[in-house]
Amino acid sequence: MILSRLSETLHLHRRASLDDLATALQAAPEAVEAMLATLERKGRIRRLPAGSSCGKSCCACDPKRLQIYEWVETTDAHPESVAPLRQSFFPS
């Protein structure tokens, strides 16, 4: 269940940090990281190199310390029908 919520959230926002995803899912970062590894093995997401931007314009975080993940577009995923989780963590 939480793996599908993680997938849906990352698909909706396209790119997010491990900390933002853990906060949105109300889960420990270590647990989210393990689920992200599963999605990465399946080819649904990719971890971006250190120093990558999270896509926000605040510049409040040190990019070298962030773990940023990005959704890999597929033709069989349609999570847009699911309500987004805690949108306040992912400003437009």
Foldseek 3Di string as FASTA:
>chain_A
DLLVLLLLQQVVQFKAWLVLSCVLSVHDSVVSVVSVVVCVVVVQKDWDDQPDDRPDDPPPDRSNPTTMMGGDDDPPDDSPVPDHTPCVSRDD
